[in-house]
């Protein structure tokens, strides 16, 4: 499990939402007519850099909008929040106001982060406005279907709205909390093994520490942990199998080291098997939705033929399974991953 310097495409193209994917999103209540689009938020005159508490540039900017547009933008964003959180019921935003709009210049989709505050008690929440990318949408759907986590998002043509996923960023957790004496390190290691397994099955790439969060839940006798992906841009695009295994990123070495310290080969395989069993349970309960998603994604072009060919060879070597060589698309590879889990769990 030694980490390596995994190379990925920094500038993955943004893939448009096809008519078939739009139809799928409508079938599963993911589409919405929104009053404000991603392009509307781009209409700012100037911006200022946002620094963290230590004076370091966060790579986020504070856009400055014309004063005559601000009220319309804020009202539209409140409606979007109501659509995301309460199926459009505007009563949940009648005491809320838009506190901040922030723009990220880093990454593929250049998202906007919106902070909305309840003026009655100062409780705040965040949501994101992004340029719709089919890769990311497929990643969100795979997360919804195959992971233990629920994701909340809406799509309106070229605009994607995402709920904020709360948690401690993986890189911050590794530096500050990983060896907290109050935490059971074996539980953290167990979650990293499960997360690693999930990413490979779903072909979710680039899960470096800053692209996932760690959620901490106090239980009656111990503290529970869960590692959750927060970035889905690199969904089945790259051809290198190591891109889909978080264990190989040098940024994740603290987690890999913890696994080597806390787990034996036997417990490592046990946790892998537990995650496969959980995935199988979710496949069975969501088989119709998964089949619909498979049919739609198989008809979309979401990577290059070269990447698909490289990955199927890599997967065949990784699993010592020549059946991967018969795969024609990234979707075929995921489907074979799932079929192999079904066979293994039944054994």
Protein backbone atom coordinates (compact mmCIF):
# COMPACT_ATOMS: atom_id res chain seq x y z
CA UNK A 1 0.00 0.00 0.00
CA UNK A 2 2.91 2.36 -0.53
CA UNK A 3 1.78 5.72 -2.05
CA UNK A 4 3.20 6.85 -5.38
CA UNK A 5 3.10 10.05 -7.39
CA UNK A 6 -0.06 9.33 -9.39
CA UNK A 7 -0.49 11.52 -12.46
CA UNK A 8 -3.98 12.69 -13.40
CA UNK A 9 -5.39 15.06 -16.00
CA UNK A 10 -5.50 18.49 -14.42
CA UNK A 11 -7.76 19.84 -17.14
CA UNK A 12 -10.37 17.17 -17.66
CA UNK A 13 -12.92 18.47 -20.18
CA UNK A 14 -16.39 19.40 -18.96
CA UNK A 15 -18.85 17.01 -20.57
CA UNK A 16 -22.31 18.39 -21.41
CA UNK A 17 -25.50 16.87 -20.01
CA UNK A 18 -27.03 14.77 -22.78
CA UNK A 19 -30.75 14.56 -23.52
CA UNK A 20 -30.79 10.99 -22.19
CA UNK A 21 -29.13 12.05 -18.93
CA UNK A 22 -31.60 14.95 -18.60
CA UNK A 23 -34.46 12.46 -18.98
CA UNK A 24 -32.90 10.24 -16.29
CA UNK A 25 -32.52 13.22 -13.93
CA UNK A 26 -36.17 14.12 -14.43
CA UNK A 27 -37.24 10.53 -13.69
CA UNK A 28 -35.43 10.62 -10.35
CA UNK A 29 -36.45 14.16 -9.33
CA UNK A 30 -32.99 15.68 -9.85
CA UNK A 31 -34.04 18.32 -12.38
CA UNK A 32 -35.41 21.73 -11.41
CA UNK A 33 -36.23 25.03 -13.07
CA UNK A 34 -34.02 27.54 -11.30
CA UNK A 35 -34.35 31.34 -11.20
CA UNK A 36 -30.57 31.89 -11.19
CA UNK A 37 -28.03 30.12 -13.40
CA UNK A 38 -24.30 29.55 -13.08
CA UNK A 39 -23.75 32.13 -15.83
CA UNK A 40 -25.76 34.72 -13.89
CA UNK A 41 -23.29 34.42 -11.01
CA UNK A 42 -20.39 35.00 -13.41
CA UNK A 43 -21.64 38.53 -14.11
CA UNK A 44 -19.49 40.27 -11.51
CA UNK A 45 -17.33 43.32 -12.21
CA UNK A 46 -14.40 42.59 -9.94
CA UNK A 47 -13.38 40.43 -6.99
CA UNK A 48 -11.03 40.31 -4.04
CA UNK A 49 -8.95 37.37 -2.74
CA UNK A 50 -10.22 35.53 0.34
CA UNK A 51 -7.55 34.73 2.92
CA UNK A 52 -7.73 32.16 5.71
CA UNK A 53 -7.23 33.05 9.37
CA UNK A 54 -3.46 32.73 8.89
CA UNK A 55 -3.37 35.16 5.98
CA UNK A 56 -2.88 32.44 3.34
CA UNK A 57 -4.68 32.72 -0.01
CA UNK A 58 -7.54 30.19 -0.08
CA UNK A 59 -7.85 30.36 -3.91
CA UNK A 60 -11.43 31.55 -3.37
CA UNK A 61 -12.47 35.07 -4.39
CA UNK A 62 -15.23 37.39 -3.24
CA UNK A 63 -17.06 38.60 -6.37
CA UNK A 64 -18.43 42.16 -6.37
CA UNK A 65 -21.75 42.48 -8.20
CA UNK A 66 -23.46 45.64 -9.51
CA UNK A 67 -25.73 46.98 -6.76
CA UNK A 68 -28.81 46.92 -9.02
CA UNK A 69 -28.39 43.14 -9.58
CA UNK A 70 -27.65 42.09 -6.01
CA UNK A 71 -31.23 41.88 -4.69
CA UNK A 72 -32.37 39.80 -7.66
CA UNK A 73 -29.41 37.45 -7.24
CA UNK A 74 -30.00 37.03 -3.52
CA UNK A 75 -33.72 36.38 -3.95
CA UNK A 76 -33.03 33.83 -6.68
CA UNK A 77 -30.44 32.04 -4.53
CA UNK A 78 -32.93 31.80 -1.67
CA UNK A 79 -35.44 30.15 -4.02
CA UNK A 80 -32.72 27.71 -5.13
CA UNK A 81 -32.00 26.83 -1.50
CA UNK A 82 -35.72 26.21 -0.90
CA UNK A 83 -35.81 23.93 -3.96
CA UNK A 84 -32.76 22.02 -2.74
CA UNK A 85 -33.85 21.63 0.88
CA UNK A 86 -37.65 21.70 0.89
CA UNK A 87 -38.99 20.92 -2.59
CA UNK A 88 -39.50 24.63 -3.23
CA UNK A 89 -41.34 25.52 -0.02
CA UNK A 90 -40.36 29.18 0.45
CA UNK A 91 -41.36 29.25 4.11
CA UNK A 92 -37.94 27.83 5.04
CA UNK A 93 -36.18 30.92 3.65
CA UNK A 94 -38.50 33.68 4.86
CA UNK A 95 -36.10 34.49 7.74
CA UNK A 96 -32.89 33.76 5.84
CA UNK A 97 -30.53 36.03 3.96
CA UNK A 98 -27.58 35.48 1.63
CA UNK A 99 -24.48 36.36 3.61
CA UNK A 100 -21.67 35.53 1.15
CA UNK A 101 -21.10 34.46 -2.43
CA UNK A 102 -17.58 33.11 -3.03
CA UNK A 103 -15.98 32.01 -6.30
CA UNK A 104 -13.28 29.34 -6.65
CA UNK A 105 -10.65 29.82 -9.34
CA UNK A 106 -9.10 26.40 -8.69
CA UNK A 107 -10.29 23.11 -10.23
CA UNK A 108 -12.33 22.10 -13.23
CA UNK A 109 -15.80 23.48 -12.53
CA UNK A 110 -15.00 26.88 -10.88
CA UNK A 111 -17.80 26.63 -8.32
CA UNK A 112 -19.59 29.34 -6.39
CA UNK A 113 -20.08 28.75 -2.67
CA UNK A 114 -23.10 30.46 -1.15
CA UNK A 115 -23.56 31.03 2.58
CA UNK A 116 -27.15 31.47 3.74
CA UNK A 117 -27.93 32.59 7.30
CA UNK A 118 -31.02 32.45 9.51
CA UNK A 119 -31.39 35.95 10.92
CA UNK A 120 -33.39 34.66 13.91
CA UNK A 121 -30.54 32.59 15.37
CA UNK A 122 -27.49 33.13 13.11
CA UNK A 123 -27.41 29.43 12.11
CA UNK A 124 -25.87 29.18 8.64
CA UNK A 125 -25.56 26.68 5.83
CA UNK A 126 -23.70 26.47 2.53
CA UNK A 127 -24.58 25.27 -0.94
CA UNK A 128 -22.72 25.31 -4.26
CA UNK A 129 -23.57 26.55 -7.74
CA UNK A 130 -21.48 24.89 -10.45
CA UNK A 131 -21.30 24.44 -14.18
CA UNK A 132 -23.06 21.16 -14.90
CA UNK A 133 -20.57 18.44 -15.87
CA UNK A 134 -21.93 15.01 -16.85
CA UNK A 135 -18.92 13.29 -15.24
CA UNK A 136 -19.68 14.92 -11.92
CA UNK A 137 -23.39 14.09 -12.16
CA UNK A 138 -22.61 10.43 -12.80
CA UNK A 139 -20.26 10.52 -9.82
CA UNK A 140 -22.99 11.97 -7.61
CA UNK A 141 -25.44 9.30 -8.77
CA UNK A 142 -22.95 6.49 -8.16
CA UNK A 143 -22.37 7.90 -4.68
CA UNK A 144 -26.11 7.97 -4.03
CA UNK A 145 -26.64 4.40 -5.24
CA UNK A 146 -23.53 2.47 -4.18
CA UNK A 147 -22.21 4.29 -1.11
CA UNK A 148 -23.76 4.52 2.38
CA UNK A 149 -24.11 8.29 1.85
CA UNK A 150 -26.95 10.35 0.46
CA UNK A 151 -26.21 13.28 -1.82
CA UNK A 152 -28.56 16.15 -2.54
CA UNK A 153 -28.27 18.06 -5.81
CA UNK A 154 -30.33 19.64 -8.60
CA UNK A 155 -29.63 20.25 -12.29
CA UNK A 156 -31.09 22.90 -14.59
CA UNK A 157 -29.53 22.61 -18.04
CA UNK A 158 -25.97 23.93 -17.60
CA UNK A 159 -26.29 24.67 -13.87
CA UNK A 160 -25.63 22.22 -11.04
CA UNK A 161 -26.64 22.92 -7.44
CA UNK A 162 -25.03 20.82 -4.68
CA UNK A 163 -25.70 20.57 -0.98
CA UNK A 164 -22.72 21.17 1.28
CA UNK A 165 -21.21 17.95 2.66
CA UNK A 166 -20.12 18.66 6.22
CA UNK A 167 -16.97 17.18 7.69
CA UNK A 168 -13.32 17.82 8.48
CA UNK A 169 -11.23 18.01 5.27
CA UNK A 170 -9.09 14.88 5.02
CA UNK A 171 -5.80 16.78 4.92
CA UNK A 172 -6.73 18.82 8.02
CA UNK A 173 -7.90 15.67 9.84
CA UNK A 174 -4.60 13.91 9.04
CA UNK A 175 -2.55 16.78 10.47
CA UNK A 176 -4.65 17.57 13.53
CA UNK A 177 -6.90 14.69 14.58
CA UNK A 178 -5.55 11.39 13.23
CA UNK A 179 -3.71 10.40 16.41
CA UNK A 180 -6.06 12.04 18.89
CA UNK A 181 -5.81 9.83 22.02
CA UNK A 182 -9.60 9.97 22.40
CA UNK A 183 -10.08 8.36 18.99
CA UNK A 184 -9.93 4.67 18.18
CA UNK A 185 -7.35 4.62 15.37
CA UNK A 186 -8.45 1.16 14.24
CA UNK A 187 -11.89 2.56 13.42
CA UNK A 188 -10.31 5.29 11.27
CA UNK A 189 -8.12 2.75 9.47
CA UNK A 190 -11.16 0.54 8.89
CA UNK A 191 -13.02 3.43 7.24
CA UNK A 192 -10.09 4.22 4.96
CA UNK A 193 -10.01 0.60 3.76
CA UNK A 194 -13.75 0.72 3.05
CA UNK A 195 -13.45 4.07 1.30
CA UNK A 196 -10.58 2.74 -0.82
CA UNK A 197 -12.67 -0.25 -1.86
CA UNK A 198 -15.71 1.88 -2.70
CA UNK A 199 -13.74 4.26 -4.92
CA UNK A 200 -12.34 1.40 -7.00
CA UNK A 201 -15.73 -0.26 -7.46
CA UNK A 202 -17.36 3.03 -8.52
CA UNK A 203 -14.28 4.27 -10.43
CA UNK A 204 -14.24 7.54 -8.50
CA UNK A 205 -10.81 9.06 -9.05
CA UNK A 206 -8.53 11.64 -7.46
CA UNK A 207 -9.55 11.02 -3.86
CA UNK A 208 -6.63 12.87 -2.32
CA UNK A 209 -7.03 14.03 1.25
CA UNK A 210 -8.41 17.45 0.29
CA UNK A 211 -11.12 15.84 -1.89
CA UNK A 212 -12.77 13.94 0.96
CA UNK A 213 -13.95 14.78 4.47
CA UNK A 214 -13.99 12.81 7.71
CA UNK A 215 -17.26 12.85 9.63
CA UNK A 216 -17.13 12.20 13.37
CA UNK A 217 -20.18 10.87 15.22
CA UNK A 218 -20.10 10.28 19.00
CA UNK A 219 -21.80 6.99 19.88
CA UNK A 220 -22.88 5.69 23.27
CA UNK A 221 -19.63 3.78 23.85
CA UNK A 222 -17.17 5.06 21.25
CA UNK A 223 -16.73 7.53 18.38
CA UNK A 224 -17.70 6.53 14.85
CA UNK A 225 -15.98 7.80 11.69
CA UNK A 226 -16.95 7.96 8.06
CA UNK A 227 -14.89 9.11 5.09
CA UNK A 228 -16.95 10.84 2.40
CA UNK A 229 -16.01 12.04 -1.05
CA UNK A 230 -16.79 15.70 -1.75
CA UNK A 231 -15.38 16.02 -5.28
CA UNK A 232 -16.80 13.95 -8.13
CA UNK A 233 -15.13 15.58 -11.16
CA UNK A 234 -12.87 12.58 -11.82
CA UNK A 235 -15.61 9.99 -12.28
CA UNK A 236 -14.42 7.22 -14.64
CA UNK A 237 -12.29 9.49 -16.84
CA UNK A 238 -8.65 8.50 -16.21
CA UNK A 239 -6.98 5.37 -17.56
CA UNK A 240 -4.59 4.68 -14.65
CA UNK A 241 -6.11 2.19 -12.20
CA UNK A 242 -4.15 3.79 -9.32
CA UNK A 243 -6.16 7.01 -9.76
CA UNK A 244 -9.16 5.09 -8.38
CA UNK A 245 -7.28 3.80 -5.32
CA UNK A 246 -6.84 6.50 -2.64
CA UNK A 247 -4.05 4.42 -1.07
CA UNK A 248 -1.68 5.40 -3.89
CA UNK A 249 -1.81 9.19 -3.45
CA UNK A 250 1.07 10.59 -1.44
CA UNK A 251 -1.34 13.08 0.17
CA UNK A 252 -3.06 10.08 1.81
CA UNK A 253 0.08 8.51 3.25
CA UNK A 254 -0.88 9.32 6.89
CA UNK A 255 -4.00 7.15 6.43
CA UNK A 256 -2.02 4.39 4.69
CA UNK A 257 0.54 4.45 7.51
CA UNK A 258 -2.25 4.20 10.08
CA UNK A 259 -3.68 1.17 8.27
CA UNK A 260 -0.27 -0.52 8.30
CA UNK A 261 0.06 0.19 12.04
CA UNK A 262 -3.43 -0.84 13.10
CA UNK A 263 -4.56 -3.61 10.73
CA UNK A 264 -3.38 -7.11 9.95
CA UNK A 265 -3.81 -8.73 6.55
CA UNK A 266 -6.74 -10.66 7.97
CA UNK A 267 -8.60 -7.61 9.28
CA UNK A 268 -7.81 -5.68 6.06
CA UNK A 269 -9.49 -8.41 3.99
CA UNK A 270 -12.36 -8.57 6.48
CA UNK A 271 -13.13 -4.85 6.08
CA UNK A 272 -12.86 -5.11 2.30
CA UNK A 273 -15.39 -7.93 2.39
CA UNK A 274 -17.71 -5.97 4.68
CA UNK A 275 -17.77 -3.10 2.20
CA UNK A 276 -18.42 -5.46 -0.72
CA UNK A 277 -21.36 -6.95 1.17
CA UNK A 278 -22.75 -3.45 1.82
CA UNK A 279 -22.39 -2.55 -1.85
CA UNK A 280 -24.18 -5.75 -2.85
CA UNK A 281 -27.08 -4.92 -0.53
CA UNK A 282 -27.40 -1.47 -2.12
CA UNK A 283 -27.17 -2.91 -5.65
CA UNK A 284 -30.07 -5.24 -4.89
CA UNK A 285 -32.26 -2.51 -3.41
CA UNK A 286 -31.49 0.00 -6.20
CA UNK A 287 -31.12 -2.39 -9.13
CA UNK A 288 -33.68 -0.64 -11.36
CA UNK A 289 -32.14 2.78 -10.85
CA UNK A 290 -28.66 1.36 -11.38
CA UNK A 291 -29.79 -0.30 -14.63
CA UNK A 292 -31.27 3.01 -15.84
CA UNK A 293 -28.04 4.83 -15.02
CA UNK A 294 -25.99 2.14 -16.77
CA UNK A 295 -28.04 2.44 -19.96
CA UNK A 296 -27.70 6.23 -20.03
CA UNK A 297 -23.98 6.38 -19.22
CA UNK A 298 -23.12 3.63 -21.70
CA UNK A 299 -24.49 5.82 -24.49
CA UNK A 300 -22.48 8.91 -23.37
CA UNK A 301 -18.90 9.66 -24.36
CA UNK A 302 -17.21 10.62 -21.08
CA UNK A 303 -13.57 9.75 -21.67
CA UNK A 304 -11.20 8.78 -24.48
CA UNK A 305 -10.95 5.35 -26.08
CA UNK A 306 -7.29 5.33 -25.02
CA UNK A 307 -8.20 5.85 -21.34
CA UNK A 308 -10.82 3.09 -21.46
CA UNK A 309 -8.38 0.69 -23.08
CA UNK A 310 -5.61 1.51 -20.60
CA UNK A 311 -7.94 1.09 -17.63
CA UNK A 312 -9.42 -2.24 -18.70
CA UNK A 313 -5.88 -3.63 -19.12
CA UNK A 314 -4.94 -2.23 -15.70
CA UNK A 315 -8.06 -3.70 -14.07
CA UNK A 316 -7.42 -7.10 -15.69
CA UNK A 317 -3.92 -7.06 -14.18
CA UNK A 318 -5.06 -5.72 -10.79
CA UNK A 319 -7.73 -8.40 -10.34
CA UNK A 320 -6.01 -11.10 -12.43
CA UNK A 321 -9.27 -11.28 -14.40
CA UNK A 322 -9.13 -11.34 -18.22
CA UNK A 323 -12.87 -10.60 -18.43
CA UNK A 324 -12.02 -6.90 -18.05
CA UNK A 325 -10.38 -7.00 -21.48
CA UNK A 326 -13.83 -7.51 -23.02
CA UNK A 327 -15.16 -4.20 -21.60
CA UNK A 328 -15.90 -1.52 -24.19
CA UNK A 329 -16.76 1.41 -21.90
CA UNK A 330 -16.05 2.68 -18.39
CA UNK A 331 -19.61 1.69 -17.51
CA UNK A 332 -18.85 -1.89 -18.56
CA UNK A 333 -15.91 -1.90 -16.15
CA UNK A 334 -18.10 -0.76 -13.23
CA UNK A 335 -20.73 -3.34 -14.17
CA UNK A 336 -18.08 -6.07 -14.13
CA UNK A 337 -16.86 -4.79 -10.74
CA UNK A 338 -20.39 -5.22 -9.38
CA UNK A 339 -20.85 -8.65 -10.98
CA UNK A 340 -17.59 -9.82 -9.44
CA UNK A 341 -18.77 -8.62 -6.02
CA UNK A 342 -22.00 -10.57 -6.45
CA UNK A 343 -20.01 -13.72 -7.31
CA UNK A 344 -17.54 -13.25 -4.42
CA UNK A 345 -20.18 -12.57 -1.77
CA UNK A 346 -22.18 -15.62 -2.85
CA UNK A 347 -19.14 -17.90 -2.53
